[in-house]
Amino acid sequence: MEATIVVAETKTIEGYTIHEETRTQTVVVNPNDTQELTFYNDPVGGVEIIKVDEADKTVRLADASFEIRKMDDALVDTVTTDQYGRVFLSLEDGAYGGHRNL
């Protein structure tokens, strides 16, 4: 007895979006049969900030805050590095600047 199954990707990892053309797929599975489906994700544009110690660049620093601004100085977001000294912010196309909050 065959079964028709609909599989949909509902969430992807940080920094990627679900490719709409492969988000939902339908497959027919027959007894003793294996089907393979491939789902594609598109990388999101943005900025990744990694904060490191000036004296030892291998040491990453957590809890550093940065303002991300458009070139006209309009505030887009304030972000803070995680426990690994990293933060990623998805951005729309455009020109941006930024500075560290003290």
PDB file of N, CA and C in Angstrom:
ATOM      1  N   MET A   1       0.850  -1.182   0.000  1.00  0.00           N
ATOM      2  CA  MET A   1       0.000   0.000   0.000  1.00  0.00           C
ATOM      3  C   MET A   1       0.895   1.244   0.000  1.00  0.00           C
ATOM      4  N   GLU A   2       0.692   2.112  -0.936  1.00  0.00           N
ATOM      5  CA  GLU A   2       1.499   3.332  -1.019  1.00  0.00           C
ATOM      6  C   GLU A   2       0.887   4.433  -0.172  1.00  0.00           C
ATOM      7  N   ALA A   3       1.745   5.399   0.185  1.00  0.00           N
ATOM      8  CA  ALA A   3       1.285   6.542   0.969  1.00  0.00           C
ATOM      9  C   ALA A   3       1.807   7.812   0.311  1.00  0.00           C
ATOM     10  N   THR A   4       0.951   8.814   0.256  1.00  0.00           N
ATOM     11  CA  THR A   4       1.359  10.119  -0.239  1.00  0.00           C
ATOM     12  C   THR A   4       1.605  11.007   0.971  1.00  0.00           C
ATOM     13  N   ILE A   5       2.798  11.578   1.025  1.00  0.00           N
ATOM     14  CA  ILE A   5       3.195  12.389   2.174  1.00  0.00           C
ATOM     15  C   ILE A   5       3.579  13.782   1.684  1.00  0.00           C
ATOM     16  N   VAL A   6       3.140  14.785   2.408  1.00  0.00           N
ATOM     17  CA  VAL A   6       3.517  16.166   2.136  1.00  0.00           C
ATOM     18  C   VAL A   6       4.480  16.595   3.242  1.00  0.00           C
ATOM     19  N   VAL A   7       5.648  17.077   2.850  1.00  0.00           N
ATOM     20  CA  VAL A   7       6.676  17.505   3.800  1.00  0.00           C
ATOM     21  C   VAL A   7       6.940  18.989   3.570  1.00  0.00           C
ATOM     22  N   ALA A   8       6.930  19.751   4.659  1.00  0.00           N
ATOM     23  CA  ALA A   8       7.168  21.198   4.555  1.00  0.00           C
ATOM     24  C   ALA A   8       8.218  21.621   5.565  1.00  0.00           C
ATOM     25  N   GLU A   9       9.193  22.396   5.108  1.00  0.00           N
ATOM     26  CA  GLU A   9      10.181  22.964   6.016  1.00  0.00           C
ATOM     27  C   GLU A   9       9.541  24.166   6.687  1.00  0.00           C
ATOM     28  N   THR A  10       9.548  24.186   8.011  1.00  0.00           N
ATOM     29  CA  THR A  10       8.884  25.258   8.752  1.00  0.00           C
ATOM     30  C   THR A  10       9.848  26.228   9.408  1.00  0.00           C
ATOM     31  N   LYS A  11      11.103  25.802   9.610  1.00  0.00           N
ATOM     32  CA  LYS A  11      12.074  26.669  10.263  1.00  0.00           C
ATOM     33  C   LYS A  11      13.461  26.280   9.778  1.00  0.00           C
ATOM     34  N   THR A  12      14.327  27.271   9.629  1.00  0.00           N
ATOM     35  CA  THR A  12      15.700  27.015   9.219  1.00  0.00           C
ATOM     36  C   THR A  12      16.648  27.596  10.258  1.00  0.00           C
ATOM     37  N   ILE A  13      17.930  27.500  10.008  1.00  0.00           N
ATOM     38  CA  ILE A  13      18.912  27.986  10.965  1.00  0.00           C
ATOM     39  C   ILE A  13      19.151  29.481  10.793  1.00  0.00           C
ATOM     40  N   GLU A  14      19.732  30.095  11.808  1.00  0.00           N
ATOM     41  CA  GLU A  14      20.022  31.528  11.775  1.00  0.00           C
ATOM     42  C   GLU A  14      20.926  31.850  10.590  1.00  0.00           C
ATOM     43  N   GLY A  15      20.580  32.942   9.908  1.00  0.00           N
ATOM     44  CA  GLY A  15      21.383  33.379   8.780  1.00  0.00           C
ATOM     45  C   GLY A  15      20.895  32.874   7.444  1.00  0.00           C
ATOM     46  N   TYR A  16      19.802  32.122   7.441  1.00  0.00           N
ATOM     47  CA  TYR A  16      19.249  31.570   6.207  1.00  0.00           C
ATOM     48  C   TYR A  16      17.740  31.754   6.166  1.00  0.00           C
ATOM     49  N   THR A  17      17.190  31.794   4.960  1.00  0.00           N
ATOM     50  CA  THR A  17      15.750  31.789   4.769  1.00  0.00           C
ATOM     51  C   THR A  17      15.378  30.548   3.974  1.00  0.00           C
ATOM     52  N   ILE A  18      14.147  30.124   4.109  1.00  0.00           N
ATOM     53  CA  ILE A  18      13.660  28.945   3.395  1.00  0.00           C
ATOM     54  C   ILE A  18      13.430  29.311   1.938  1.00  0.00           C
ATOM     55  N   HIS A  19      13.980  28.508   1.048  1.00  0.00           N
ATOM     56  CA  HIS A  19      13.791  28.701  -0.389  1.00  0.00           C
ATOM     57  C   HIS A  19      12.351  28.285  -0.723  1.00  0.00           C
ATOM     58  N   GLU A  20      11.531  29.237  -1.156  1.00  0.00           N
ATOM     59  CA  GLU A  20      10.095  28.989  -1.325  1.00  0.00           C
ATOM     60  C   GLU A  20       9.780  27.875  -2.328  1.00  0.00           C
ATOM     61  N   GLU A  21      10.617  27.709  -3.348  1.00  0.00           N
ATOM     62  CA  GLU A  21      10.320  26.692  -4.367  1.00  0.00           C
ATOM     63  C   GLU A  21      10.454  25.270  -3.836  1.00  0.00           C
ATOM     64  N   THR A  22      11.202  25.085  -2.757  1.00  0.00           N
ATOM     65  CA  THR A  22      11.355  23.738  -2.197  1.00  0.00           C
ATOM     66  C   THR A  22      10.781  23.623  -0.792  1.00  0.00           C
ATOM     67  N   ARG A  23      10.103  24.658  -0.307  1.00  0.00           N
ATOM     68  CA  ARG A  23       9.553  24.644   1.061  1.00  0.00           C
ATOM     69  C   ARG A  23       8.634  23.447   1.279  1.00  0.00           C
ATOM     70  N   THR A  24       7.738  23.190   0.354  1.00  0.00           N
ATOM     71  CA  THR A  24       6.775  22.094   0.484  1.00  0.00           C
ATOM     72  C   THR A  24       6.960  21.127  -0.672  1.00  0.00           C
ATOM     73  N   GLN A  25       7.056  19.838  -0.332  1.00  0.00           N
ATOM     74  CA  GLN A  25       7.232  18.807  -1.348  1.00  0.00           C
ATOM     75  C   GLN A  25       6.299  17.637  -1.051  1.00  0.00           C
ATOM     76  N   THR A  26       5.798  17.029  -2.118  1.00  0.00           N
ATOM     77  CA  THR A  26       4.928  15.862  -2.002  1.00  0.00           C
ATOM     78  C   THR A  26       5.660  14.658  -2.579  1.00  0.00           C
ATOM     79  N   VAL A  27       5.585  13.543  -1.876  1.00  0.00           N
ATOM     80  CA  VAL A  27       6.271  12.339  -2.307  1.00  0.00           C
ATOM     81  C   VAL A  27       5.355  11.135  -2.076  1.00  0.00           C
ATOM     82  N   VAL A  28       5.425  10.160  -2.994  1.00  0.00           N
ATOM     83  CA  VAL A  28       4.696   8.909  -2.844  1.00  0.00           C
ATOM     84  C   VAL A  28       5.691   7.849  -2.382  1.00  0.00           C
ATOM     85  N   VAL A  29       5.371   7.197  -1.279  1.00  0.00           N
ATOM     86  CA  VAL A  29       6.241   6.164  -0.719  1.00  0.00           C
ATOM     87  C   VAL A  29       5.528   4.821  -0.826  1.00  0.00           C
ATOM     88  N   ASN A  30       6.196   3.872  -1.480  1.00  0.00           N
ATOM     89  CA  ASN A  30       5.678   2.515  -1.614  1.00  0.00           C
ATOM     90  C   ASN A  30       6.294   1.640  -0.524  1.00  0.00           C
ATOM     91  N   PRO A  31       5.687   0.483  -0.223  1.00  0.00           N
ATOM     92  CA  PRO A  31       6.265  -0.418   0.789  1.00  0.00           C
ATOM     93  C   PRO A  31       7.716  -0.755   0.435  1.00  0.00           C
ATOM     94  N   ASN A  32       8.542  -0.814   1.450  1.00  0.00           N
ATOM     95  CA  ASN A  32       9.970  -1.121   1.310  1.00  0.00           C
ATOM     96  C   ASN A  32      10.690  -0.129   0.397  1.00  0.00           C
ATOM     97  N   ASP A  33      10.197   1.081   0.319  1.00  0.00           N
ATOM     98  CA  ASP A  33      10.745   2.112  -0.555  1.00  0.00           C
ATOM     99  C   ASP A  33      11.310   3.238   0.304  1.00  0.00           C
ATOM    100  N   THR A  34      12.347   3.877  -0.174  1.00  0.00           N
ATOM    101  CA  THR A  34      12.913   5.054   0.491  1.00  0.00           C
ATOM    102  C   THR A  34      12.949   6.180  -0.524  1.00  0.00           C
ATOM    103  N   GLN A  35      12.469   7.329  -0.129  1.00  0.00           N
ATOM    104  CA  GLN A  35      12.492   8.513  -0.988  1.00  0.00           C
ATOM    105  C   GLN A  35      13.424   9.541  -0.369  1.00  0.00           C
ATOM    106  N   GLU A  36      14.083  10.311  -1.206  1.00  0.00           N
ATOM    107  CA  GLU A  36      14.978  11.359  -0.741  1.00  0.00           C
ATOM    108  C   GLU A  36      14.455  12.706  -1.207  1.00  0.00           C
ATOM    109  N   LEU A  37      14.346  13.645  -0.275  1.00  0.00           N
ATOM    110  CA  LEU A  37      13.913  15.006  -0.584  1.00  0.00           C
ATOM    111  C   LEU A  37      15.052  15.958  -0.247  1.00  0.00           C
ATOM    112  N   THR A  38      15.201  17.008  -1.035  1.00  0.00           N
ATOM    113  CA  THR A  38      16.228  18.021  -0.784  1.00  0.00           C
ATOM    114  C   THR A  38      15.541  19.363  -0.612  1.00  0.00           C
ATOM    115  N   PHE A  39      15.845  20.026   0.496  1.00  0.00           N
ATOM    116  CA  PHE A  39      15.308  21.348   0.778  1.00  0.00           C
ATOM    117  C   PHE A  39      16.449  22.346   0.718  1.00  0.00           C
ATOM    118  N   TYR A  40      16.215  23.469   0.063  1.00  0.00           N
ATOM    119  CA  TYR A  40      17.254  24.477  -0.110  1.00  0.00           C
ATOM    120  C   TYR A  40      16.978  25.687   0.763  1.00  0.00           C
ATOM    121  N   ASN A  41      18.045  26.297   1.272  1.00  0.00           N
ATOM    122  CA  ASN A  41      17.961  27.531   2.040  1.00  0.00           C
ATOM    123  C   ASN A  41      18.843  28.573   1.379  1.00  0.00           C
ATOM    124  N   ASP A  42      18.400  29.814   1.437  1.00  0.00           N
ATOM    125  CA  ASP A  42      19.149  30.927   0.868  1.00  0.00           C
ATOM    126  C   ASP A  42      19.811  31.713   1.995  1.00  0.00           C
ATOM    127  N   PRO A  43      21.085  32.079   1.836  1.00  0.00           N
ATOM    128  CA  PRO A  43      21.731  32.879   2.886  1.00  0.00           C
ATOM    129  C   PRO A  43      21.113  34.266   2.964  1.00  0.00           C
ATOM    130  N   VAL A  44      21.008  34.749   4.177  1.00  0.00           N
ATOM    131  CA  VAL A  44      20.487  36.084   4.435  1.00  0.00           C
ATOM    132  C   VAL A  44      21.654  37.056   4.432  1.00  0.00           C
ATOM    133  N   GLY A  45      21.465  38.197   3.804  1.00  0.00           N
ATOM    134  CA  GLY A  45      22.489  39.232   3.874  1.00  0.00           C
ATOM    135  C   GLY A  45      22.461  39.884   5.241  1.00  0.00           C
ATOM    136  N   GLY A  46      23.571  40.379   5.661  1.00  0.00           N
ATOM    137  CA  GLY A  46      23.600  41.030   6.956  1.00  0.00           C
ATOM    138  C   GLY A  46      25.015  41.312   7.387  1.00  0.00           C
ATOM    139  N   VAL A  47      25.157  41.525   8.670  1.00  0.00           N
ATOM    140  CA  VAL A  47      26.461  41.820   9.233  1.00  0.00           C
ATOM    141  C   VAL A  47      26.703  40.890  10.417  1.00  0.00           C
ATOM    142  N   GLU A  48      27.912  40.361  10.474  1.00  0.00           N
ATOM    143  CA  GLU A  48      28.345  39.578  11.635  1.00  0.00           C
ATOM    144  C   GLU A  48      29.456  40.372  12.310  1.00  0.00           C
ATOM    145  N   ILE A  49      29.300  40.577  13.611  1.00  0.00           N
ATOM    146  CA  ILE A  49      30.308  41.286  14.387  1.00  0.00           C
ATOM    147  C   ILE A  49      30.915  40.298  15.373  1.00  0.00           C
ATOM    148  N   ILE A  50      32.245  40.241  15.410  1.00  0.00           N
ATOM    149  CA  ILE A  50      32.945  39.417  16.386  1.00  0.00           C
ATOM    150  C   ILE A  50      33.853  40.343  17.189  1.00  0.00           C
ATOM    151  N   LYS A  51      33.619  40.393  18.486  1.00  0.00           N
ATOM    152  CA  LYS A  51      34.381  41.264  19.387  1.00  0.00           C
ATOM    153  C   LYS A  51      35.501  40.455  20.014  1.00  0.00           C
ATOM    154  N   VAL A  52      36.756  40.947  19.860  1.00  0.00           N
ATOM    155  CA  VAL A  52      37.907  40.244  20.413  1.00  0.00           C
ATOM    156  C   VAL A  52      38.725  41.172  21.310  1.00  0.00           C
ATOM    157  N   ASP A  53      39.526  40.566  22.173  1.00  0.00           N
ATOM    158  CA  ASP A  53      40.434  41.285  23.053  1.00  0.00           C
ATOM    159  C   ASP A  53      41.589  41.850  22.225  1.00  0.00           C
ATOM    160  N   GLU A  54      41.910  43.120  22.395  1.00  0.00           N
ATOM    161  CA  GLU A  54      42.980  43.734  21.605  1.00  0.00           C
ATOM    162  C   GLU A  54      44.334  43.073  21.854  1.00  0.00           C
ATOM    163  N   ALA A  55      44.607  42.688  23.092  1.00  0.00           N
ATOM    164  CA  ALA A  55      45.900  42.094  23.426  1.00  0.00           C
ATOM    165  C   ALA A  55      46.014  40.643  22.961  1.00  0.00           C
ATOM    166  N   ASP A  56      44.892  39.928  22.901  1.00  0.00           N
ATOM    167  CA  ASP A  56      44.895  38.520  22.479  1.00  0.00           C
ATOM    168  C   ASP A  56      43.692  38.294  21.581  1.00  0.00           C
ATOM    169  N   LYS A  57      43.906  38.404  20.287  1.00  0.00           N
ATOM    170  CA  LYS A  57      42.805  38.354  19.316  1.00  0.00           C
ATOM    171  C   LYS A  57      42.107  36.999  19.259  1.00  0.00           C
ATOM    172  N   THR A  58      42.619  35.982  19.958  1.00  0.00           N
ATOM    173  CA  THR A  58      41.938  34.678  20.015  1.00  0.00           C
ATOM    174  C   THR A  58      40.877  34.650  21.110  1.00  0.00           C
ATOM    175  N   VAL A  59      40.857  35.668  21.980  1.00  0.00           N
ATOM    176  CA  VAL A  59      39.883  35.748  23.064  1.00  0.00           C
ATOM    177  C   VAL A  59      38.705  36.595  22.606  1.00  0.00           C
ATOM    178  N   ARG A  60      37.526  35.970  22.572  1.00  0.00           N
ATOM    179  CA  ARG A  60      36.316  36.698  22.172  1.00  0.00           C
ATOM    180  C   ARG A  60      35.612  37.254  23.413  1.00  0.00           C
ATOM    181  N   LEU A  61      34.973  38.400  23.248  1.00  0.00           N
ATOM    182  CA  LEU A  61      34.363  39.097  24.374  1.00  0.00           C
ATOM    183  C   LEU A  61      32.841  39.158  24.242  1.00  0.00           C
ATOM    184  N   ALA A  62      32.168  38.724  25.281  1.00  0.00           N
ATOM    185  CA  ALA A  62      30.704  38.739  25.328  1.00  0.00           C
ATOM    186  C   ALA A  62      30.191  40.098  25.812  1.00  0.00           C
ATOM    187  N   ASP A  63      28.920  40.334  25.566  1.00  0.00           N
ATOM    188  CA  ASP A  63      28.185  41.489  26.103  1.00  0.00           C
ATOM    189  C   ASP A  63      28.664  42.854  25.625  1.00  0.00           C
ATOM    190  N   ALA A  64      29.266  42.919  24.447  1.00  0.00           N
ATOM    191  CA  ALA A  64      29.609  44.214  23.850  1.00  0.00           C
ATOM    192  C   ALA A  64      28.423  44.658  22.997  1.00  0.00           C
ATOM    193  N   SER A  65      27.982  45.887  23.177  1.00  0.00           N
ATOM    194  CA  SER A  65      26.821  46.391  22.442  1.00  0.00           C
ATOM    195  C   SER A  65      27.255  47.307  21.310  1.00  0.00           C
ATOM    196  N   PHE A  66      26.540  47.193  20.192  1.00  0.00           N
ATOM    197  CA  PHE A  66      26.813  48.013  19.011  1.00  0.00           C
ATOM    198  C   PHE A  66      25.503  48.571  18.478  1.00  0.00           C
ATOM    199  N   GLU A  67      25.540  49.812  18.003  1.00  0.00           N
ATOM    200  CA  GLU A  67      24.408  50.386  17.297  1.00  0.00           C
ATOM    201  C   GLU A  67      24.657  50.218  15.805  1.00  0.00           C
ATOM    202  N   ILE A  68      23.652  49.752  15.085  1.00  0.00           N
ATOM    203  CA  ILE A  68      23.725  49.653  13.630  1.00  0.00           C
ATOM    204  C   ILE A  68      22.824  50.760  13.090  1.00  0.00           C
ATOM    205  N   ARG A  69      23.403  51.594  12.248  1.00  0.00           N
ATOM    206  CA  ARG A  69      22.676  52.758  11.731  1.00  0.00           C
ATOM    207  C   ARG A  69      22.762  52.820  10.221  1.00  0.00           C
ATOM    208  N   LYS A  70      21.759  53.417   9.622  1.00  0.00           N
ATOM    209  CA  LYS A  70      21.819  53.745   8.195  1.00  0.00           C
ATOM    210  C   LYS A  70      22.816  54.891   8.039  1.00  0.00           C
ATOM    211  N   MET A  71      23.278  55.103   6.830  1.00  0.00           N
ATOM    212  CA  MET A  71      24.265  56.162   6.599  1.00  0.00           C
ATOM    213  C   MET A  71      23.705  57.547   6.911  1.00  0.00           C
ATOM    214  N   ASP A  72      22.361  57.692   6.934  1.00  0.00           N
ATOM    215  CA  ASP A  72      21.764  58.971   7.322  1.00  0.00           C
ATOM    216  C   ASP A  72      21.628  59.083   8.844  1.00  0.00           C
ATOM    217  N   ASP A  73      22.238  58.132   9.596  1.00  0.00           N
ATOM    218  CA  ASP A  73      22.282  58.071  11.054  1.00  0.00           C
ATOM    219  C   ASP A  73      21.001  57.540  11.692  1.00  0.00           C
ATOM    220  N   ALA A  74      20.035  57.077  10.888  1.00  0.00           N
ATOM    221  CA  ALA A  74      18.821  56.488  11.459  1.00  0.00           C
ATOM    222  C   ALA A  74      19.167  55.151  12.110  1.00  0.00           C
ATOM    223  N   LEU A  75      18.774  54.969  13.378  1.00  0.00           N
ATOM    224  CA  LEU A  75      19.068  53.747  14.118  1.00  0.00           C
ATOM    225  C   LEU A  75      18.269  52.577  13.548  1.00  0.00           C
ATOM    226  N   VAL A  76      18.965  51.489  13.213  1.00  0.00           N
ATOM    227  CA  VAL A  76      18.331  50.272  12.718  1.00  0.00           C
ATOM    228  C   VAL A  76      18.082  49.324  13.878  1.00  0.00           C
ATOM    229  N   ASP A  77      19.121  49.117  14.714  1.00  0.00           N
ATOM    230  CA  ASP A  77      19.007  48.190  15.838  1.00  0.00           C
ATOM    231  C   ASP A  77      20.216  48.361  16.741  1.00  0.00           C
ATOM    232  N   THR A  78      20.072  47.946  17.989  1.00  0.00           N
ATOM    233  CA  THR A  78      21.188  47.836  18.908  1.00  0.00           C
ATOM    234  C   THR A  78      21.363  46.353  19.183  1.00  0.00           C
ATOM    235  N   VAL A  79      22.588  45.837  19.007  1.00  0.00           N
ATOM    236  CA  VAL A  79      22.851  44.410  19.157  1.00  0.00           C
ATOM    237  C   VAL A  79      23.946  44.202  20.198  1.00  0.00           C
ATOM    238  N   THR A  80      23.934  43.019  20.820  1.00  0.00           N
ATOM    239  CA  THR A  80      24.907  42.679  21.852  1.00  0.00           C
ATOM    240  C   THR A  80      25.521  41.326  21.538  1.00  0.00           C
ATOM    241  N   THR A  81      26.850  41.226  21.665  1.00  0.00           N
ATOM    242  CA  THR A  81      27.522  39.963  21.378  1.00  0.00           C
ATOM    243  C   THR A  81      27.120  38.889  22.391  1.00  0.00           C
ATOM    244  N   ASP A  82      27.047  37.648  21.903  1.00  0.00           N
ATOM    245  CA  ASP A  82      26.673  36.514  22.747  1.00  0.00           C
ATOM    246  C   ASP A  82      27.886  36.015  23.546  1.00  0.00           C
ATOM    247  N   GLN A  83      27.746  34.871  24.186  1.00  0.00           N
ATOM    248  CA  GLN A  83      28.827  34.332  25.016  1.00  0.00           C
ATOM    249  C   GLN A  83      30.094  34.011  24.224  1.00  0.00           C
ATOM    250  N   TYR A  84      29.957  33.914  22.896  1.00  0.00           N
ATOM    251  CA  TYR A  84      31.103  33.644  22.025  1.00  0.00           C
ATOM    252  C   TYR A  84      31.642  34.920  21.369  1.00  0.00           C
ATOM    253  N   GLY A  85      31.179  36.074  21.838  1.00  0.00           N
ATOM    254  CA  GLY A  85      31.646  37.340  21.297  1.00  0.00           C
ATOM    255  C   GLY A  85      31.115  37.638  19.913  1.00  0.00           C
ATOM    256  N   ARG A  86      29.999  37.011  19.518  1.00  0.00           N
ATOM    257  CA  ARG A  86      29.475  37.104  18.156  1.00  0.00           C
ATOM    258  C   ARG A  86      28.039  37.610  18.169  1.00  0.00           C
ATOM    259  N   VAL A  87      27.699  38.373  17.143  1.00  0.00           N
ATOM    260  CA  VAL A  87      26.313  38.759  16.911  1.00  0.00           C
ATOM    261  C   VAL A  87      26.111  38.884  15.404  1.00  0.00           C
ATOM    262  N   PHE A  88      24.956  38.442  14.923  1.00  0.00           N
ATOM    263  CA  PHE A  88      24.598  38.547  13.509  1.00  0.00           C
ATOM    264  C   PHE A  88      23.292  39.304  13.412  1.00  0.00           C
ATOM    265  N   LEU A  89      23.220  40.221  12.456  1.00  0.00           N
ATOM    266  CA  LEU A  89      21.998  40.985  12.222  1.00  0.00           C
ATOM    267  C   LEU A  89      21.673  40.943  10.746  1.00  0.00           C
ATOM    268  N   SER A  90      20.476  40.445  10.414  1.00  0.00           N
ATOM    269  CA  SER A  90      20.012  40.455   9.028  1.00  0.00           C
ATOM    270  C   SER A  90      19.708  41.888   8.632  1.00  0.00           C
ATOM    271  N   LEU A  91      20.112  42.250   7.410  1.00  0.00           N
ATOM    272  CA  LEU A  91      19.891  43.623   6.949  1.00  0.00           C
ATOM    273  C   LEU A  91      19.318  43.621   5.542  1.00  0.00           C
ATOM    274  N   GLU A  92      18.453  44.573   5.289  1.00  0.00           N
ATOM    275  CA  GLU A  92      17.957  44.797   3.933  1.00  0.00           C
ATOM    276  C   GLU A  92      19.061  45.470   3.129  1.00  0.00           C
ATOM    277  N   ASP A  93      18.917  45.472   1.807  1.00  0.00           N
ATOM    278  CA  ASP A  93      19.891  46.169   0.975  1.00  0.00           C
ATOM    279  C   ASP A  93      19.961  47.631   1.392  1.00  0.00           C
ATOM    280  N   GLY A  94      21.143  48.195   1.343  1.00  0.00           N
ATOM    281  CA  GLY A  94      21.307  49.600   1.687  1.00  0.00           C
ATOM    282  C   GLY A  94      22.715  49.873   2.179  1.00  0.00           C
ATOM    283  N   ALA A  95      22.959  51.100   2.591  1.00  0.00           N
ATOM    284  CA  ALA A  95      24.258  51.514   3.106  1.00  0.00           C
ATOM    285  C   ALA A  95      24.127  51.715   4.606  1.00  0.00           C
ATOM    286  N   TYR A  96      25.064  51.131   5.359  1.00  0.00           N
ATOM    287  CA  TYR A  96      24.986  51.153   6.821  1.00  0.00           C
ATOM    288  C   TYR A  96      26.304  51.613   7.415  1.00  0.00           C
ATOM    289  N   GLY A  97      26.240  52.082   8.641  1.00  0.00           N
ATOM    290  CA  GLY A  97      27.403  52.395   9.447  1.00  0.00           C
ATOM    291  C   GLY A  97      27.129  51.852  10.829  1.00  0.00           C
ATOM    292  N   GLY A  98      28.039  52.005  11.739  1.00  0.00           N
ATOM    293  CA  GLY A  98      27.799  51.526  13.094  1.00  0.00           C
ATOM    294  C   GLY A  98      28.872  52.023  14.025  1.00  0.00           C
ATOM    295  N   HIS A  99      28.582  51.976  15.317  1.00  0.00           N
ATOM    296  CA  HIS A  99      29.588  52.290  16.305  1.00  0.00           C
ATOM    297  C   HIS A  99      29.263  51.546  17.584  1.00  0.00           C
ATOM    298  N   ARG A 100      30.281  51.395  18.411  1.00  0.00           N
ATOM    299  CA  ARG A 100      30.122  50.654  19.650  1.00  0.00           C
ATOM    300  C   ARG A 100      29.540  51.574  20.715  1.00  0.00           C
ATOM    301  N   ASN A 101      28.551  51.057  21.456  1.00  0.00           N
ATOM    302  CA  ASN A 101      28.029  51.800  22.606  1.00  0.00           C
ATOM    303  C   ASN A 101      29.006  51.698  23.747  1.00  0.00           C
ATOM    304  N   LEU A 102      29.273  52.781  24.411  1.00  0.00           N
ATOM    305  CA  LEU A 102      30.196  52.771  25.546  1.00  0.00           C
ATOM    306  C   LEU A 102      29.442  52.797  26.836  1.00  0.00           C
TER     307      LEU A 102
END
